[in-house]
Amino acid sequence: MAVQIKNLGHSTYLVKLESLEILTDPFLTTSAGGIPRVVPPACRPEDVSPQLVLISHAHYDHLDLKTLRRIPADFITVTPENCSQILREWEVVELKTFSSFNYGGVRITLVPARHSRGRNLLYPSTGVGGFVIEYGGITLYFAGDTAFSEHLYVSIAERFNVDVALLPIGGFKPFFRKFHQTPEEAVKGFKILKAKWLIPIHYGSWHVVPFLVKREKALERLLSYSYISNVSDKVVPLKIGDSVSLEV
């Protein structure tokens, strides 16, 4: 069975599993929290029609209300705890860590992430996590936003045989490693997971400090370290707008 994955920019990816479409961390507008994108998204919100929208946490670059309001399709949002207070206009399924939601043959499980909670002063308690997607014998792990933690990756590897890992590699400069892993740490996490494919996310289009998008050289560092680590043949970088079909 094949899974099709398209990079729409930042952490917004479209995952197609046969007729089922899943959109991750929706952000398809020109700015987040007043900070402009460095590279535009691959499409408009009107161009996607997901049945499920997975939101790893409520930060503006991962939960963009302007994007959600412009998506023409009816969809269910799946989130960590305490995010429904922001998403009052949509059907929301909130999950606790390692709890699951089933829809149309797909099983979505919330897994841990090391990242800051909250959206703003009004919503300080919104949760954070990643998602494991299981469908037809395929297992994908969408990490959302996370700092590196060996324990975190081990806890996921012990529970799931991950085929495709979508792992963040950007946003770590100048002093954000408490919240964002480096490309080298993404490779280490990938090796702990023993996954078949690594698709890098969260790089190349938006940063709290916009000029650091290019200075981080996240993709170059990922490719270099994956070569040193003998996993370069398993890395599938996607330019914004590009897609890949992976047989698992």
C-alpha atoms as a PDB file:
ATOM      1  CA  MET A   1       0.000   0.000   0.000  1.00  0.00           C
ATOM      2  CA  ALA A   2       1.202   3.543  -0.753  1.00  0.00           C
ATOM      3  CA  VAL A   3       0.891   6.767   1.215  1.00  0.00           C
ATOM      4  CA  GLN A   4       1.099  10.121  -0.542  1.00  0.00           C
ATOM      5  CA  ILE A   5       2.557  13.066   1.363  1.00  0.00           C
ATOM      6  CA  LYS A   6       2.677  16.669   0.119  1.00  0.00           C
ATOM      7  CA  ASN A   7       4.612  19.550   1.658  1.00  0.00           C
ATOM      8  CA  LEU A   8       2.401  22.648   1.798  1.00  0.00           C
ATOM      9  CA  GLY A   9       4.959  24.627   3.811  1.00  0.00           C
ATOM     10  CA  HIS A  10       6.261  24.790   7.403  1.00  0.00           C
ATOM     11  CA  SER A  11       4.522  21.949   9.290  1.00  0.00           C
ATOM     12  CA  THR A  12       1.466  21.828   7.052  1.00  0.00           C
ATOM     13  CA  TYR A  13       1.478  18.547   5.149  1.00  0.00           C
ATOM     14  CA  LEU A  14      -1.290  16.767   3.288  1.00  0.00           C
ATOM     15  CA  VAL A  15      -1.352  13.018   3.881  1.00  0.00           C
ATOM     16  CA  LYS A  16      -3.422  10.885   1.508  1.00  0.00           C
ATOM     17  CA  LEU A  17      -4.319   7.325   2.462  1.00  0.00           C
ATOM     18  CA  GLU A  18      -6.470   6.038  -0.412  1.00  0.00           C
ATOM     19  CA  SER A  19      -9.561   8.294  -0.302  1.00  0.00           C
ATOM     20  CA  LEU A  20      -8.776   9.723   3.131  1.00  0.00           C
ATOM     21  CA  GLU A  21      -7.040  13.111   3.337  1.00  0.00           C
ATOM     22  CA  ILE A  22      -5.404  14.368   6.529  1.00  0.00           C
ATOM     23  CA  LEU A  23      -4.043  17.898   6.948  1.00  0.00           C
ATOM     24  CA  THR A  24      -1.443  18.575   9.637  1.00  0.00           C
ATOM     25  CA  ASP A  25      -0.899  21.819  11.582  1.00  0.00           C
ATOM     26  CA  PRO A  26      -2.892  24.120   9.270  1.00  0.00           C
ATOM     27  CA  PHE A  27      -1.048  27.329   8.308  1.00  0.00           C
ATOM     28  CA  LEU A  28      -1.692  28.379   4.702  1.00  0.00           C
ATOM     29  CA  THR A  29      -1.810  32.157   5.025  1.00  0.00           C
ATOM     30  CA  THR A  30       0.856  34.852   4.759  1.00  0.00           C
ATOM     31  CA  SER A  31       1.708  35.333   8.426  1.00  0.00           C
ATOM     32  CA  ALA A  32       1.411  33.773  11.874  1.00  0.00           C
ATOM     33  CA  GLY A  33       1.126  35.865  15.018  1.00  0.00           C
ATOM     34  CA  GLY A  34       1.920  38.924  12.914  1.00  0.00           C
ATOM     35  CA  ILE A  35       5.208  37.449  11.690  1.00  0.00           C
ATOM     36  CA  PRO A  36       5.317  37.052   7.879  1.00  0.00           C
ATOM     37  CA  ARG A  37       6.338  33.926   6.036  1.00  0.00           C
ATOM     38  CA  VAL A  38       9.655  33.937   4.223  1.00  0.00           C
ATOM     39  CA  VAL A  39       8.341  31.533   1.572  1.00  0.00           C
ATOM     40  CA  PRO A  40       4.624  31.430   0.629  1.00  0.00           C
ATOM     41  CA  PRO A  41       2.547  28.287   1.147  1.00  0.00           C
ATOM     42  CA  ALA A  42       2.082  25.816  -1.682  1.00  0.00           C
ATOM     43  CA  CYS A  43      -1.631  26.493  -1.994  1.00  0.00           C
ATOM     44  CA  ARG A  44      -4.592  28.409  -0.628  1.00  0.00           C
ATOM     45  CA  PRO A  45      -6.815  27.041   2.142  1.00  0.00           C
ATOM     46  CA  GLU A  46      -9.588  26.819  -0.463  1.00  0.00           C
ATOM     47  CA  ASP A  47      -7.525  24.252  -2.374  1.00  0.00           C
ATOM     48  CA  VAL A  48      -7.594  21.521   0.281  1.00  0.00           C
ATOM     49  CA  SER A  49     -10.475  19.292   1.372  1.00  0.00           C
ATOM     50  CA  PRO A  50      -9.334  17.146   4.307  1.00  0.00           C
ATOM     51  CA  GLN A  51     -11.596  14.940   6.345  1.00  0.00           C
ATOM     52  CA  LEU A  52      -9.274  15.192   9.353  1.00  0.00           C
ATOM     53  CA  VAL A  53      -7.134  18.097  10.551  1.00  0.00           C
ATOM     54  CA  LEU A  54      -4.444  17.221  13.107  1.00  0.00           C
ATOM     55  CA  ILE A  55      -3.262  20.091  15.319  1.00  0.00           C
ATOM     56  CA  SER A  56      -0.189  19.310  17.398  1.00  0.00           C
ATOM     57  CA  HIS A  57      -0.502  22.461  19.538  1.00  0.00           C
ATOM     58  CA  ALA A  58      -2.069  25.898  19.545  1.00  0.00           C
ATOM     59  CA  HIS A  59       0.856  28.140  18.569  1.00  0.00           C
ATOM     60  CA  TYR A  60      -0.078  30.496  15.743  1.00  0.00           C
ATOM     61  CA  ASP A  61       2.185  28.835  13.164  1.00  0.00           C
ATOM     62  CA  HIS A  62       0.534  25.450  13.801  1.00  0.00           C
ATOM     63  CA  LEU A  63      -3.051  26.491  14.466  1.00  0.00           C
ATOM     64  CA  ASP A  64      -3.990  29.308  12.097  1.00  0.00           C
ATOM     65  CA  LEU A  65      -7.673  30.158  12.454  1.00  0.00           C
ATOM     66  CA  LYS A  66      -7.632  32.148   9.203  1.00  0.00           C
ATOM     67  CA  THR A  67      -6.655  28.969   7.374  1.00  0.00           C
ATOM     68  CA  LEU A  68      -9.318  26.827   9.017  1.00  0.00           C
ATOM     69  CA  ARG A  69     -12.088  29.311   8.252  1.00  0.00           C
ATOM     70  CA  ARG A  70     -11.249  29.270   4.546  1.00  0.00           C
ATOM     71  CA  ILE A  71     -11.179  25.486   4.060  1.00  0.00           C
ATOM     72  CA  PRO A  72     -14.389  24.659   2.152  1.00  0.00           C
ATOM     73  CA  ALA A  73     -14.779  21.075   3.362  1.00  0.00           C
ATOM     74  CA  ASP A  74     -16.326  19.766   6.553  1.00  0.00           C
ATOM     75  CA  PHE A  75     -13.641  18.248   8.749  1.00  0.00           C
ATOM     76  CA  ILE A  76     -12.926  17.019  12.242  1.00  0.00           C
ATOM     77  CA  THR A  77     -10.032  18.528  14.171  1.00  0.00           C
ATOM     78  CA  VAL A  78      -7.965  16.267  16.424  1.00  0.00           C
ATOM     79  CA  THR A  79      -5.953  18.003  19.132  1.00  0.00           C
ATOM     80  CA  PRO A  80      -4.276  17.617  22.512  1.00  0.00           C
ATOM     81  CA  GLU A  81      -6.239  18.626  25.583  1.00  0.00           C
ATOM     82  CA  ASN A  82      -7.698  22.107  26.118  1.00  0.00           C
ATOM     83  CA  CYS A  83      -7.605  23.201  22.470  1.00  0.00           C
ATOM     84  CA  SER A  84     -11.367  23.063  21.863  1.00  0.00           C
ATOM     85  CA  GLN A  85     -11.782  26.432  23.604  1.00  0.00           C
ATOM     86  CA  ILE A  86     -10.011  27.992  20.594  1.00  0.00           C
ATOM     87  CA  LEU A  87     -11.799  25.847  18.014  1.00  0.00           C
ATOM     88  CA  ARG A  88     -15.422  26.542  18.908  1.00  0.00           C
ATOM     89  CA  GLU A  89     -16.473  26.729  15.242  1.00  0.00           C
ATOM     90  CA  TRP A  90     -15.478  23.113  14.469  1.00  0.00           C
ATOM     91  CA  GLU A  91     -15.979  19.580  15.670  1.00  0.00           C
ATOM     92  CA  VAL A  92     -13.055  18.797  17.947  1.00  0.00           C
ATOM     93  CA  VAL A  93     -11.714  15.533  19.325  1.00  0.00           C
ATOM     94  CA  GLU A  94      -9.318  16.157  22.218  1.00  0.00           C
ATOM     95  CA  LEU A  95      -6.930  13.357  23.087  1.00  0.00           C
ATOM     96  CA  LYS A  96      -4.855  12.570  26.145  1.00  0.00           C
ATOM     97  CA  THR A  97      -1.347  11.209  25.697  1.00  0.00           C
ATOM     98  CA  PHE A  98      -1.417   7.722  24.135  1.00  0.00           C
ATOM     99  CA  SER A  99      -5.197   7.803  23.727  1.00  0.00           C
ATOM    100  CA  SER A 100      -6.680   7.235  20.261  1.00  0.00           C
ATOM    101  CA  PHE A 101      -9.474   8.231  17.896  1.00  0.00           C
ATOM    102  CA  ASN A 102     -10.777   6.072  15.051  1.00  0.00           C
ATOM    103  CA  TYR A 103     -12.213   7.449  11.826  1.00  0.00           C
ATOM    104  CA  GLY A 104     -12.890   5.663   8.533  1.00  0.00           C
ATOM    105  CA  GLY A 105     -10.397   2.908   9.216  1.00  0.00           C
ATOM    106  CA  VAL A 106      -7.648   5.256  10.403  1.00  0.00           C
ATOM    107  CA  ARG A 107      -6.446   5.284  13.992  1.00  0.00           C
ATOM    108  CA  ILE A 108      -4.982   8.524  15.368  1.00  0.00           C
ATOM    109  CA  THR A 109      -2.998   8.374  18.617  1.00  0.00           C
ATOM    110  CA  LEU A 110      -1.632  11.378  20.487  1.00  0.00           C
ATOM    111  CA  VAL A 111       1.987  10.896  21.561  1.00  0.00           C
ATOM    112  CA  PRO A 112       4.213  13.113  23.731  1.00  0.00           C
ATOM    113  CA  ALA A 113       6.204  16.141  22.583  1.00  0.00           C
ATOM    114  CA  ARG A 114       8.632  18.413  24.416  1.00  0.00           C
ATOM    115  CA  HIS A 115       7.376  21.877  23.613  1.00  0.00           C
ATOM    116  CA  SER A 116       5.762  24.875  25.300  1.00  0.00           C
ATOM    117  CA  ARG A 117       2.070  24.776  26.119  1.00  0.00           C
ATOM    118  CA  GLY A 118      -0.431  27.568  25.600  1.00  0.00           C
ATOM    119  CA  ARG A 119      -1.376  29.950  22.794  1.00  0.00           C
ATOM    120  CA  ASN A 120      -1.409  33.348  24.500  1.00  0.00           C
ATOM    121  CA  LEU A 121      -2.331  34.953  27.822  1.00  0.00           C
ATOM    122  CA  LEU A 122      -5.996  34.073  27.270  1.00  0.00           C
ATOM    123  CA  TYR A 123      -5.262  30.403  26.551  1.00  0.00           C
ATOM    124  CA  PRO A 124      -2.224  29.383  28.643  1.00  0.00           C
ATOM    125  CA  SER A 125      -3.159  25.725  29.163  1.00  0.00           C
ATOM    126  CA  THR A 126      -3.585  24.318  25.653  1.00  0.00           C
ATOM    127  CA  GLY A 127      -1.736  21.025  25.304  1.00  0.00           C
ATOM    128  CA  VAL A 128       0.993  19.817  22.990  1.00  0.00           C
ATOM    129  CA  GLY A 129       1.807  16.493  21.325  1.00  0.00           C
ATOM    130  CA  GLY A 130       2.512  14.596  18.160  1.00  0.00           C
ATOM    131  CA  PHE A 131       0.388  12.048  16.313  1.00  0.00           C
ATOM    132  CA  VAL A 132       0.782   8.474  15.161  1.00  0.00           C
ATOM    133  CA  ILE A 133      -1.428   7.633  12.183  1.00  0.00           C
ATOM    134  CA  GLU A 134      -2.214   3.965  11.486  1.00  0.00           C
ATOM    135  CA  TYR A 135      -4.077   2.830   8.398  1.00  0.00           C
ATOM    136  CA  GLY A 136      -4.033  -0.352   6.333  1.00  0.00           C
ATOM    137  CA  GLY A 137      -0.756  -1.587   7.778  1.00  0.00           C
ATOM    138  CA  ILE A 138       0.995   1.801   7.392  1.00  0.00           C
ATOM    139  CA  THR A 139       2.207   3.738  10.444  1.00  0.00           C
ATOM    140  CA  LEU A 140       3.184   7.407  10.234  1.00  0.00           C
ATOM    141  CA  TYR A 141       4.517   9.582  13.025  1.00  0.00           C
ATOM    142  CA  PHE A 142       3.948  13.333  12.770  1.00  0.00           C
ATOM    143  CA  ALA A 143       6.017  14.931  15.532  1.00  0.00           C
ATOM    144  CA  GLY A 144       4.634  18.460  15.251  1.00  0.00           C
ATOM    145  CA  ASP A 145       7.009  20.626  17.291  1.00  0.00           C
ATOM    146  CA  THR A 146       9.411  19.067  19.774  1.00  0.00           C
ATOM    147  CA  ALA A 147      12.787  19.349  21.388  1.00  0.00           C
ATOM    148  CA  PHE A 148      14.923  16.228  21.350  1.00  0.00           C
ATOM    149  CA  SER A 149      14.395  13.636  24.047  1.00  0.00           C
ATOM    150  CA  GLU A 150      15.739  10.119  23.852  1.00  0.00           C
ATOM    151  CA  HIS A 151      13.086   9.010  26.327  1.00  0.00           C
ATOM    152  CA  LEU A 152      10.354  10.520  24.147  1.00  0.00           C
ATOM    153  CA  TYR A 153      11.489   8.666  21.038  1.00  0.00           C
ATOM    154  CA  VAL A 154      11.969   5.422  22.942  1.00  0.00           C
ATOM    155  CA  SER A 155       8.438   5.679  24.373  1.00  0.00           C
ATOM    156  CA  ILE A 156       7.054   5.902  20.835  1.00  0.00           C
ATOM    157  CA  ALA A 157       9.310   3.196  19.402  1.00  0.00           C
ATOM    158  CA  GLU A 158       8.241   0.804  22.143  1.00  0.00           C
ATOM    159  CA  ARG A 159       4.582   1.170  21.149  1.00  0.00           C
ATOM    160  CA  PHE A 160       4.656   1.591  17.370  1.00  0.00           C
ATOM    161  CA  ASN A 161       6.526   0.217  14.367  1.00  0.00           C
ATOM    162  CA  VAL A 162       6.875   3.521  12.553  1.00  0.00           C
ATOM    163  CA  ASP A 163       7.203   3.402   8.761  1.00  0.00           C
ATOM    164  CA  VAL A 164       7.324   7.138   7.981  1.00  0.00           C
ATOM    165  CA  ALA A 165       8.558   9.747  10.465  1.00  0.00           C
ATOM    166  CA  LEU A 166       7.806  13.412   9.823  1.00  0.00           C
ATOM    167  CA  LEU A 167      10.243  15.168  12.131  1.00  0.00           C
ATOM    168  CA  PRO A 168      10.918  18.893  12.705  1.00  0.00           C
ATOM    169  CA  ILE A 169      14.404  20.201  11.914  1.00  0.00           C
ATOM    170  CA  GLY A 170      14.125  24.022  12.092  1.00  0.00           C
ATOM    171  CA  GLY A 171      13.462  26.818  14.542  1.00  0.00           C
ATOM    172  CA  PHE A 172      16.344  26.017  16.905  1.00  0.00           C
ATOM    173  CA  LYS A 173      18.314  29.268  16.504  1.00  0.00           C
ATOM    174  CA  PRO A 174      19.264  31.483  18.242  1.00  0.00           C
ATOM    175  CA  PHE A 175      18.356  29.900  21.610  1.00  0.00           C
ATOM    176  CA  PHE A 176      15.237  27.819  21.010  1.00  0.00           C
ATOM    177  CA  ARG A 177      16.689  24.313  21.477  1.00  0.00           C
ATOM    178  CA  LYS A 178      14.614  24.003  24.626  1.00  0.00           C
ATOM    179  CA  PHE A 179      11.608  23.779  22.301  1.00  0.00           C
ATOM    180  CA  HIS A 180      12.984  22.719  18.884  1.00  0.00           C
ATOM    181  CA  GLN A 181      15.368  19.926  17.997  1.00  0.00           C
ATOM    182  CA  THR A 182      18.263  20.384  15.592  1.00  0.00           C
ATOM    183  CA  PRO A 183      18.598  18.473  12.295  1.00  0.00           C
ATOM    184  CA  GLU A 184      21.235  16.274  13.900  1.00  0.00           C
ATOM    185  CA  GLU A 185      18.892  15.439  16.755  1.00  0.00           C
ATOM    186  CA  ALA A 186      16.142  14.618  14.269  1.00  0.00           C
ATOM    187  CA  VAL A 187      18.436  11.994  12.736  1.00  0.00           C
ATOM    188  CA  LYS A 188      19.163  10.562  16.179  1.00  0.00           C
ATOM    189  CA  GLY A 189      15.439  10.364  16.886  1.00  0.00           C
ATOM    190  CA  PHE A 190      14.827   8.718  13.530  1.00  0.00           C
ATOM    191  CA  LYS A 191      17.396   6.042  14.313  1.00  0.00           C
ATOM    192  CA  ILE A 192      15.771   5.362  17.680  1.00  0.00           C
ATOM    193  CA  LEU A 193      12.410   4.934  15.946  1.00  0.00           C
ATOM    194  CA  LYS A 194      13.951   2.531  13.390  1.00  0.00           C
ATOM    195  CA  ALA A 195      11.592   3.967  10.804  1.00  0.00           C
ATOM    196  CA  LYS A 196      11.885   3.365   7.063  1.00  0.00           C
ATOM    197  CA  TRP A 197      11.617   6.973   5.887  1.00  0.00           C
ATOM    198  CA  LEU A 198      12.396  10.394   7.342  1.00  0.00           C
ATOM    199  CA  ILE A 199      10.537  13.411   5.960  1.00  0.00           C
ATOM    200  CA  PRO A 200      11.779  16.707   7.447  1.00  0.00           C
ATOM    201  CA  ILE A 201       9.196  19.308   8.473  1.00  0.00           C
ATOM    202  CA  HIS A 202       9.140  22.719  10.194  1.00  0.00           C
ATOM    203  CA  TYR A 203      11.852  24.452   8.194  1.00  0.00           C
ATOM    204  CA  GLY A 204      12.379  26.676   5.189  1.00  0.00           C
ATOM    205  CA  SER A 205       9.346  28.969   5.277  1.00  0.00           C
ATOM    206  CA  TRP A 206       8.688  30.604   8.677  1.00  0.00           C
ATOM    207  CA  HIS A 207      10.613  31.463  11.843  1.00  0.00           C
ATOM    208  CA  VAL A 208       9.952  33.680  14.854  1.00  0.00           C
ATOM    209  CA  VAL A 209      13.061  35.546  13.646  1.00  0.00           C
ATOM    210  CA  PRO A 210      12.459  35.446   9.861  1.00  0.00           C
ATOM    211  CA  PHE A 211      16.019  35.946   8.588  1.00  0.00           C
ATOM    212  CA  LEU A 212      17.096  32.813  10.492  1.00  0.00           C
ATOM    213  CA  VAL A 213      15.118  30.610   8.090  1.00  0.00           C
ATOM    214  CA  LYS A 214      18.094  30.632   5.721  1.00  0.00           C
ATOM    215  CA  ARG A 215      20.853  31.040   8.289  1.00  0.00           C
ATOM    216  CA  GLU A 216      19.902  27.859  10.120  1.00  0.00           C
ATOM    217  CA  LYS A 217      20.671  25.806   6.995  1.00  0.00           C
ATOM    218  CA  ALA A 218      18.441  23.140   8.478  1.00  0.00           C
ATOM    219  CA  LEU A 219      18.105  20.964   5.389  1.00  0.00           C
ATOM    220  CA  GLU A 220      21.808  21.140   4.528  1.00  0.00           C
ATOM    221  CA  ARG A 221      22.669  20.067   8.062  1.00  0.00           C
ATOM    222  CA  LEU A 222      20.138  17.249   7.942  1.00  0.00           C
ATOM    223  CA  LEU A 223      21.501  15.880   4.673  1.00  0.00           C
ATOM    224  CA  SER A 224      25.080  16.126   5.884  1.00  0.00           C
ATOM    225  CA  TYR A 225      24.459  14.414   9.213  1.00  0.00           C
ATOM    226  CA  SER A 226      22.217  11.735   7.699  1.00  0.00           C
ATOM    227  CA  TYR A 227      25.090  10.883   5.323  1.00  0.00           C
ATOM    228  CA  ILE A 228      27.548  10.644   8.200  1.00  0.00           C
ATOM    229  CA  SER A 229      25.013   8.495  10.070  1.00  0.00           C
ATOM    230  CA  ASN A 230      24.480   6.144   7.102  1.00  0.00           C
ATOM    231  CA  VAL A 231      20.778   6.902   6.718  1.00  0.00           C
ATOM    232  CA  SER A 232      20.887   9.395   3.834  1.00  0.00           C
ATOM    233  CA  ASP A 233      19.084   6.935   1.553  1.00  0.00           C
ATOM    234  CA  LYS A 234      16.123   7.043   3.945  1.00  0.00           C
ATOM    235  CA  VAL A 235      15.722  10.833   3.977  1.00  0.00           C
ATOM    236  CA  VAL A 236      13.012  12.255   1.700  1.00  0.00           C
ATOM    237  CA  PRO A 237      13.211  16.065   1.643  1.00  0.00           C
ATOM    238  CA  LEU A 238      10.266  17.716  -0.082  1.00  0.00           C
ATOM    239  CA  LYS A 239      10.363  21.209  -1.507  1.00  0.00           C
ATOM    240  CA  ILE A 240       7.275  23.291  -0.780  1.00  0.00           C
ATOM    241  CA  GLY A 241       4.619  22.099  -3.206  1.00  0.00           C
ATOM    242  CA  ASP A 242       6.288  18.745  -3.870  1.00  0.00           C
ATOM    243  CA  SER A 243       4.802  15.380  -2.967  1.00  0.00           C
ATOM    244  CA  VAL A 244       5.993  11.806  -2.713  1.00  0.00           C
ATOM    245  CA  SER A 245       4.300   8.430  -2.837  1.00  0.00           C
ATOM    246  CA  LEU A 246       5.913   5.882  -0.542  1.00  0.00           C
ATOM    247  CA  GLU A 247       5.274   2.156  -0.756  1.00  0.00           C
ATOM    248  CA  VAL A 248       5.281   0.632   2.718  1.00  0.00           C
END
